[in-house]
Amino acid sequence: MKKNLLKSKMSLHEDNNKTLAHKLKITPSAFSRKINGSSNFTIEEMKFIRKEYELSDFEFNVSNGRK
């Protein structure tokens, strides 16, 4: 998932790393590893993020490296 797109969507929804980590039921440090690419988001986490931030098919596919 593209970090810049996720951060901009988080900002629009007044979320930060800590609040989104809480929503995903993971620790802020685990979220940090995932957003920085050291670890991967699970499919369930990605589904939640897509729904939470109303990502379009285009945004979701581009953010996952597909076009």
N, C-alpha and C. Protein backbone atom coordinates (compact mmCIF):
# COMPACT_ATOMS: atom_id res chain seq x y z
N MET A 1 0.84 -1.17 0.00
CA MET A 1 0.00 0.00 0.00
C MET A 1 0.89 1.24 0.00
N LYS A 2 0.57 2.20 -0.84
CA LYS A 2 1.38 3.42 -0.92
C LYS A 2 1.23 4.25 0.35
N LYS A 3 2.35 4.53 0.95
CA LYS A 3 2.39 5.26 2.22
C LYS A 3 1.76 6.64 2.09
N ASN A 4 2.09 7.38 1.04
CA ASN A 4 1.58 8.75 0.90
C ASN A 4 0.06 8.79 0.75
N LEU A 5 -0.49 7.83 0.00
CA LEU A 5 -1.95 7.77 -0.16
C LEU A 5 -2.60 7.46 1.18
N LEU A 6 -2.07 6.48 1.88
CA LEU A 6 -2.64 6.12 3.17
C LEU A 6 -2.55 7.28 4.16
N LYS A 7 -1.41 7.94 4.22
CA LYS A 7 -1.24 9.07 5.15
C LYS A 7 -2.21 10.20 4.82
N SER A 8 -2.43 10.46 3.53
CA SER A 8 -3.36 11.54 3.15
C SER A 8 -4.79 11.17 3.52
N LYS A 9 -5.17 9.92 3.32
CA LYS A 9 -6.52 9.48 3.70
C LYS A 9 -6.68 9.52 5.22
N MET A 10 -5.65 9.12 5.93
CA MET A 10 -5.69 9.19 7.39
C MET A 10 -5.91 10.63 7.84
N SER A 11 -5.19 11.54 7.25
CA SER A 11 -5.29 12.95 7.61
C SER A 11 -6.69 13.50 7.34
N LEU A 12 -7.26 13.13 6.20
CA LEU A 12 -8.61 13.58 5.86
C LEU A 12 -9.64 13.10 6.88
N HIS A 13 -9.37 11.95 7.48
CA HIS A 13 -10.28 11.38 8.48
C HIS A 13 -9.83 11.68 9.91
N GLU A 14 -8.88 12.60 10.02
CA GLU A 14 -8.35 13.02 11.33
C GLU A 14 -7.80 11.85 12.14
N ASP A 15 -7.17 10.91 11.45
CA ASP A 15 -6.51 9.78 12.09
C ASP A 15 -5.01 10.01 12.09
N ASN A 16 -4.33 9.34 12.99
CA ASN A 16 -2.88 9.31 12.99
C ASN A 16 -2.47 7.84 13.17
N ASN A 17 -1.18 7.58 13.25
CA ASN A 17 -0.72 6.20 13.37
C ASN A 17 -1.35 5.49 14.56
N LYS A 18 -1.42 6.18 15.68
CA LYS A 18 -1.94 5.57 16.90
C LYS A 18 -3.43 5.25 16.78
N THR A 19 -4.22 6.18 16.23
CA THR A 19 -5.66 5.93 16.13
C THR A 19 -5.98 4.83 15.13
N LEU A 20 -5.27 4.80 14.00
CA LEU A 20 -5.52 3.73 13.04
C LEU A 20 -5.04 2.39 13.59
N ALA A 21 -3.93 2.37 14.28
CA ALA A 21 -3.46 1.13 14.91
C ALA A 21 -4.52 0.60 15.86
N HIS A 22 -5.11 1.49 16.65
CA HIS A 22 -6.17 1.10 17.58
C HIS A 22 -7.36 0.50 16.83
N LYS A 23 -7.77 1.15 15.74
CA LYS A 23 -8.89 0.65 14.94
C LYS A 23 -8.58 -0.73 14.35
N LEU A 24 -7.31 -0.94 13.97
CA LEU A 24 -6.89 -2.22 13.40
C LEU A 24 -6.61 -3.28 14.47
N LYS A 25 -6.65 -2.85 15.73
CA LYS A 25 -6.38 -3.74 16.87
C LYS A 25 -4.96 -4.29 16.84
N ILE A 26 -4.02 -3.39 16.49
CA ILE A 26 -2.60 -3.72 16.52
C ILE A 26 -1.88 -2.63 17.31
N THR A 27 -0.66 -2.89 17.70
CA THR A 27 0.10 -1.89 18.45
C THR A 27 0.58 -0.78 17.50
N PRO A 28 0.81 0.40 18.04
CA PRO A 28 1.36 1.47 17.20
C PRO A 28 2.70 1.09 16.57
N SER A 29 3.52 0.32 17.28
CA SER A 29 4.81 -0.08 16.70
C SER A 29 4.61 -1.07 15.55
N ALA A 30 3.63 -1.96 15.66
CA ALA A 30 3.32 -2.88 14.55
C ALA A 30 2.81 -2.09 13.35
N PHE A 31 1.96 -1.09 13.60
CA PHE A 31 1.47 -0.26 12.52
C PHE A 31 2.61 0.48 11.84
N SER A 32 3.52 1.00 12.63
CA SER A 32 4.68 1.71 12.09
C SER A 32 5.50 0.81 11.17
N ARG A 33 5.72 -0.42 11.59
CA ARG A 33 6.47 -1.37 10.74
C ARG A 33 5.73 -1.61 9.43
N LYS A 34 4.41 -1.71 9.50
CA LYS A 34 3.62 -1.99 8.30
C LYS A 34 3.60 -0.79 7.35
N ILE A 35 3.39 0.40 7.88
CA ILE A 35 3.31 1.58 7.01
C ILE A 35 4.67 1.92 6.40
N ASN A 36 5.74 1.54 7.10
CA ASN A 36 7.09 1.80 6.59
C ASN A 36 7.64 0.67 5.74
N GLY A 37 6.86 -0.40 5.55
CA GLY A 37 7.25 -1.47 4.65
C GLY A 37 8.10 -2.57 5.24
N SER A 38 8.35 -2.53 6.55
CA SER A 38 9.14 -3.60 7.18
C SER A 38 8.32 -4.85 7.39
N SER A 39 7.01 -4.68 7.39
CA SER A 39 6.07 -5.77 7.63
C SER A 39 4.89 -5.54 6.68
N ASN A 40 4.10 -6.56 6.44
CA ASN A 40 2.96 -6.42 5.53
C ASN A 40 1.65 -6.32 6.29
N PHE A 41 0.72 -5.55 5.73
CA PHE A 41 -0.64 -5.54 6.25
C PHE A 41 -1.28 -6.87 5.90
N THR A 42 -2.14 -7.38 6.79
CA THR A 42 -2.88 -8.60 6.49
C THR A 42 -4.00 -8.25 5.51
N ILE A 43 -4.57 -9.26 4.92
CA ILE A 43 -5.70 -9.04 4.00
C ILE A 43 -6.85 -8.38 4.75
N GLU A 44 -7.12 -8.84 5.97
CA GLU A 44 -8.20 -8.25 6.76
C GLU A 44 -7.92 -6.78 7.09
N GLU A 45 -6.69 -6.45 7.39
CA GLU A 45 -6.32 -5.06 7.67
C GLU A 45 -6.50 -4.21 6.42
N MET A 46 -6.11 -4.74 5.28
CA MET A 46 -6.27 -3.99 4.03
C MET A 46 -7.74 -3.79 3.69
N LYS A 47 -8.56 -4.80 3.93
CA LYS A 47 -10.00 -4.67 3.69
C LYS A 47 -10.58 -3.58 4.59
N PHE A 48 -10.15 -3.58 5.86
CA PHE A 48 -10.64 -2.58 6.80
C PHE A 48 -10.24 -1.18 6.34
N ILE A 49 -8.99 -1.01 5.96
CA ILE A 49 -8.49 0.30 5.52
C ILE A 49 -9.25 0.77 4.29
N ARG A 50 -9.48 -0.14 3.35
CA ARG A 50 -10.21 0.22 2.14
C ARG A 50 -11.62 0.71 2.47
N LYS A 51 -12.29 0.00 3.36
CA LYS A 51 -13.65 0.39 3.75
C LYS A 51 -13.64 1.67 4.58
N GLU A 52 -12.75 1.75 5.55
CA GLU A 52 -12.68 2.90 6.47
C GLU A 52 -12.45 4.21 5.71
N TYR A 53 -11.59 4.17 4.70
CA TYR A 53 -11.22 5.38 3.96
C TYR A 53 -11.88 5.46 2.59
N GLU A 54 -12.84 4.56 2.34
CA GLU A 54 -13.61 4.58 1.11
C GLU A 54 -12.72 4.67 -0.12
N LEU A 55 -11.72 3.81 -0.17
CA LEU A 55 -10.80 3.80 -1.32
C LEU A 55 -11.52 3.25 -2.54
N SER A 56 -11.40 3.94 -3.65
CA SER A 56 -11.98 3.47 -4.91
C SER A 56 -11.19 2.27 -5.41
N ASP A 57 -11.75 1.57 -6.39
CA ASP A 57 -11.02 0.45 -7.00
C ASP A 57 -9.67 0.94 -7.53
N PHE A 58 -9.68 2.11 -8.18
CA PHE A 58 -8.44 2.65 -8.74
C PHE A 58 -7.42 2.93 -7.65
N GLU A 59 -7.84 3.64 -6.60
CA GLU A 59 -6.91 3.96 -5.50
C GLU A 59 -6.36 2.70 -4.86
N PHE A 60 -7.23 1.74 -4.63
CA PHE A 60 -6.81 0.51 -3.97
C PHE A 60 -5.85 -0.29 -4.85
N ASN A 61 -6.16 -0.41 -6.13
CA ASN A 61 -5.30 -1.18 -7.04
C ASN A 61 -3.97 -0.49 -7.28
N VAL A 62 -3.97 0.82 -7.45
CA VAL A 62 -2.71 1.55 -7.64
C VAL A 62 -1.88 1.45 -6.38
N SER A 63 -2.52 1.55 -5.22
CA SER A 63 -1.77 1.50 -3.97
C SER A 63 -1.19 0.12 -3.73
N ASN A 64 -1.69 -0.89 -4.42
CA ASN A 64 -1.16 -2.24 -4.29
C ASN A 64 -0.27 -2.63 -5.46
N GLY A 65 0.14 -1.65 -6.24
CA GLY A 65 1.07 -1.91 -7.32
C GLY A 65 0.44 -2.42 -8.60
N ARG A 66 -0.89 -2.44 -8.66
CA ARG A 66 -1.58 -2.89 -9.87
C ARG A 66 -2.16 -1.68 -10.59
N LYS A 67 -2.30 -1.80 -11.90
CA LYS A 67 -2.93 -0.73 -12.68
C LYS A 67 -3.96 -1.31 -13.60
